[in-house]
C-alpha atoms as a PDB file:
ATOM      1  CA  MET A   1     -98.173  39.304  63.215  1.00  0.00           C
ATOM      2  CA  GLU A   2     -96.043  40.124  65.801  1.00  0.00           C
ATOM      3  CA  MET A   3     -96.279  38.113  69.133  1.00  0.00           C
ATOM      4  CA  LYS A   4     -96.623  40.140  72.177  1.00  0.00           C
ATOM      5  CA  GLY A   5     -95.794  37.918  75.212  1.00  0.00           C
ATOM      6  CA  VAL A   6     -99.087  37.282  77.094  1.00  0.00           C
ATOM      7  CA  ILE A   7    -101.718  38.621  74.149  1.00  0.00           C
ATOM      8  CA  GLY A   8    -100.085  36.137  72.043  1.00  0.00           C
ATOM      9  CA  SER A   9    -100.174  33.293  74.391  1.00  0.00           C
ATOM     10  CA  LEU A  10    -103.797  33.812  74.890  1.00  0.00           C
ATOM     11  CA  TRP A  11    -104.421  34.402  71.085  1.00  0.00           C
ATOM     12  CA  ILE A  12    -102.941  30.627  70.513  1.00  0.00           C
ATOM     13  CA  LEU A  13    -104.908  29.338  73.698  1.00  0.00           C
ATOM     14  CA  GLU A  14    -108.230  31.224  71.966  1.00  0.00           C
ATOM     15  CA  ALA A  15    -107.283  29.039  68.555  1.00  0.00           C
ATOM     16  CA  VAL A  16    -106.701  25.715  70.638  1.00  0.00           C
ATOM     17  CA  ALA A  17    -110.352  26.136  72.128  1.00  0.00           C
ATOM     18  CA  GLN A  18    -112.183  27.219  68.509  1.00  0.00           C
ATOM     19  CA  HIS A  19    -110.057  24.641  66.232  1.00  0.00           C
ATOM     20  CA  GLN A  20    -109.452  21.561  68.887  1.00  0.00           C
ATOM     21  CA  PRO A  21    -107.605  19.329  68.459  1.00  0.00           C
ATOM     22  CA  VAL A  22    -105.059  21.278  66.829  1.00  0.00           C
ATOM     23  CA  THR A  23    -101.397  20.798  65.566  1.00  0.00           C
ATOM     24  CA  ALA A  24     -98.788  23.378  66.163  1.00  0.00           C
ATOM     25  CA  GLY A  25     -98.342  23.364  62.401  1.00  0.00           C
ATOM     26  CA  GLU A  26    -102.129  24.447  62.006  1.00  0.00           C
ATOM     27  CA  LEU A  27    -101.469  27.260  64.214  1.00  0.00           C
ATOM     28  CA  THR A  28     -98.514  28.345  62.687  1.00  0.00           C
ATOM     29  CA  ASN A  29    -100.249  28.518  59.504  1.00  0.00           C
ATOM     30  CA  ARG A  30    -103.127  30.507  61.094  1.00  0.00           C
ATOM     31  CA  PHE A  31    -100.934  33.097  62.685  1.00  0.00           C
ATOM     32  CA  GLY A  32     -97.829  33.361  60.412  1.00  0.00           C
ATOM     33  CA  LEU A  33     -95.723  32.725  63.424  1.00  0.00           C
ATOM     34  CA  PRO A  34     -92.660  30.559  63.256  1.00  0.00           C
ATOM     35  CA  LYS A  35     -93.212  27.161  64.148  1.00  0.00           C
ATOM     36  CA  SER A  36     -90.501  27.357  67.151  1.00  0.00           C
ATOM     37  CA  THR A  37     -92.694  30.179  68.671  1.00  0.00           C
ATOM     38  CA  VAL A  38     -95.909  28.533  68.780  1.00  0.00           C
ATOM     39  CA  ARG A  39     -94.460  25.196  69.792  1.00  0.00           C
ATOM     40  CA  ARG A  40     -92.739  27.003  72.682  1.00  0.00           C
ATOM     41  CA  THR A  41     -95.906  28.904  73.666  1.00  0.00           C
ATOM     42  CA  LEU A  42     -97.582  25.574  73.792  1.00  0.00           C
ATOM     43  CA  VAL A  43     -95.040  23.958  75.781  1.00  0.00           C
ATOM     44  CA  THR A  44     -95.422  27.002  78.445  1.00  0.00           C
ATOM     45  CA  LEU A  45     -99.148  26.683  78.532  1.00  0.00           C
ATOM     46  CA  ASN A  46     -99.077  22.780  78.581  1.00  0.00           C
ATOM     47  CA  GLU A  47     -96.761  23.174  81.575  1.00  0.00           C
ATOM     48  CA  ALA A  48     -99.413  25.233  83.248  1.00  0.00           C
ATOM     49  CA  GLY A  49    -101.949  23.040  82.632  1.00  0.00           C
ATOM     50  CA  TRP A  50    -104.270  24.664  79.797  1.00  0.00           C
ATOM     51  CA  PRO A  51    -103.858  22.757  76.627  1.00  0.00           C
ATOM     52  CA  GLN A  52    -103.281  19.291  76.865  1.00  0.00           C
ATOM     53  CA  ALA A  53    -102.147  16.283  74.039  1.00  0.00           C
ATOM     54  CA  ASN A  54    -105.082  14.799  72.328  1.00  0.00           C
ATOM     55  CA  ARG A  55    -105.910  11.060  73.573  1.00  0.00           C
ATOM     56  CA  LYS A  56    -106.025   9.924  70.004  1.00  0.00           C
ATOM     57  CA  ASP A  57    -103.001  11.901  68.521  1.00  0.00           C
ATOM     58  CA  THR A  58    -100.360  13.345  71.085  1.00  0.00           C
ATOM     59  CA  THR A  59     -99.262  15.799  68.228  1.00  0.00           C
ATOM     60  CA  ARG A  60    -102.757  17.366  68.677  1.00  0.00           C
ATOM     61  CA  ARG A  61    -103.688  19.836  71.442  1.00  0.00           C
ATOM     62  CA  GLU A  62    -106.831  20.563  73.032  1.00  0.00           C
ATOM     63  CA  ILE A  63    -108.062  22.591  76.217  1.00  0.00           C
ATOM     64  CA  GLY A  64    -107.269  21.116  79.269  1.00  0.00           C
ATOM     65  CA  ALA A  65    -109.041  21.167  82.872  1.00  0.00           C
ATOM     66  CA  GLN A  66    -106.970  24.147  83.796  1.00  0.00           C
ATOM     67  CA  VAL A  67    -109.066  26.431  82.017  1.00  0.00           C
ATOM     68  CA  LEU A  68    -112.551  25.018  83.997  1.00  0.00           C
ATOM     69  CA  ALA A  69    -110.622  26.364  86.991  1.00  0.00           C
ATOM     70  CA  VAL A  70    -110.894  30.128  86.066  1.00  0.00           C
ATOM     71  CA  ARG A  71    -114.303  29.499  84.825  1.00  0.00           C
ATOM     72  CA  PRO A  72    -117.021  31.547  87.360  1.00  0.00           C
ATOM     73  CA  PRO A  73    -119.539  28.998  88.959  1.00  0.00           C
ATOM     74  CA  PRO A  74    -123.254  29.481  87.241  1.00  0.00           C
ATOM     75  CA  ARG A  75    -124.844  32.302  88.469  1.00  0.00           C
ATOM     76  CA  ALA A  76    -128.142  31.276  90.664  1.00  0.00           C
ATOM     77  CA  PRO A  77    -131.332  33.053  89.221  1.00  0.00           C
ATOM     78  CA  PRO A  78    -132.677  36.275  90.735  1.00  0.00           C
ATOM     79  CA  GLY A  79    -134.427  35.484  94.277  1.00  0.00           C
ATOM     80  CA  ALA A  80    -132.448  31.772  94.370  1.00  0.00           C
ATOM     81  CA  LEU A  81    -130.479  32.949  97.320  1.00  0.00           C
ATOM     82  CA  PRO A  82    -131.859  33.354 100.771  1.00  0.00           C
ATOM     83  CA  ARG A  83    -132.282  36.979 101.784  1.00  0.00           C
ATOM     84  CA  PRO A  84    -131.285  38.188 105.114  1.00  0.00           C
ATOM     85  CA  SER A  85    -134.124  38.971 107.274  1.00  0.00           C
ATOM     86  CA  SER A  86    -134.347  42.365 109.065  1.00  0.00           C
ATOM     87  CA  ARG A  87    -132.675  40.963 112.372  1.00  0.00           C
ATOM     88  CA  GLU A  88    -129.632  39.874 109.984  1.00  0.00           C
ATOM     89  CA  GLY A  89    -129.123  42.926 108.763  1.00  0.00           C
ATOM     90  CA  SER A  90    -126.393  42.288 105.661  1.00  0.00           C
ATOM     91  CA  ALA A  91    -124.493  39.392 107.029  1.00  0.00           C
ATOM     92  CA  ARG A  92    -124.343  36.357 104.713  1.00  0.00           C
ATOM     93  CA  PRO A  93    -126.140  33.510 105.855  1.00  0.00           C
ATOM     94  CA  SER A  94    -123.878  30.812 107.860  1.00  0.00           C
ATOM     95  CA  GLY A  95    -121.984  28.599 105.130  1.00  0.00           C
ATOM     96  CA  GLU A  96    -122.466  31.047 102.150  1.00  0.00           C
ATOM     97  CA  GLN A  97    -119.245  31.418 100.397  1.00  0.00           C
ATOM     98  CA  TRP A  98    -118.456  34.529  97.940  1.00  0.00           C
END
């Protein structure tokens, strides 16, 4: 398998999420990539806060808190948000964020 920049990094990140905690060696075997490529990708992703070292075994990586930052907030069930009255038109209620 050939590594293609961002796409390859995302494959590695997805594999970390699916098989966490995982070592660089396990990812190397899974993708057939050079260990240096996998390690370099993990270091780069780690600097951005995506995977992090496992607390019990620092050679293993798991998903970091940064992943939660890009997760969309839970959606409210239909009808749960206040609807504008006919006087308000389509203006958002005060305090509502998008």
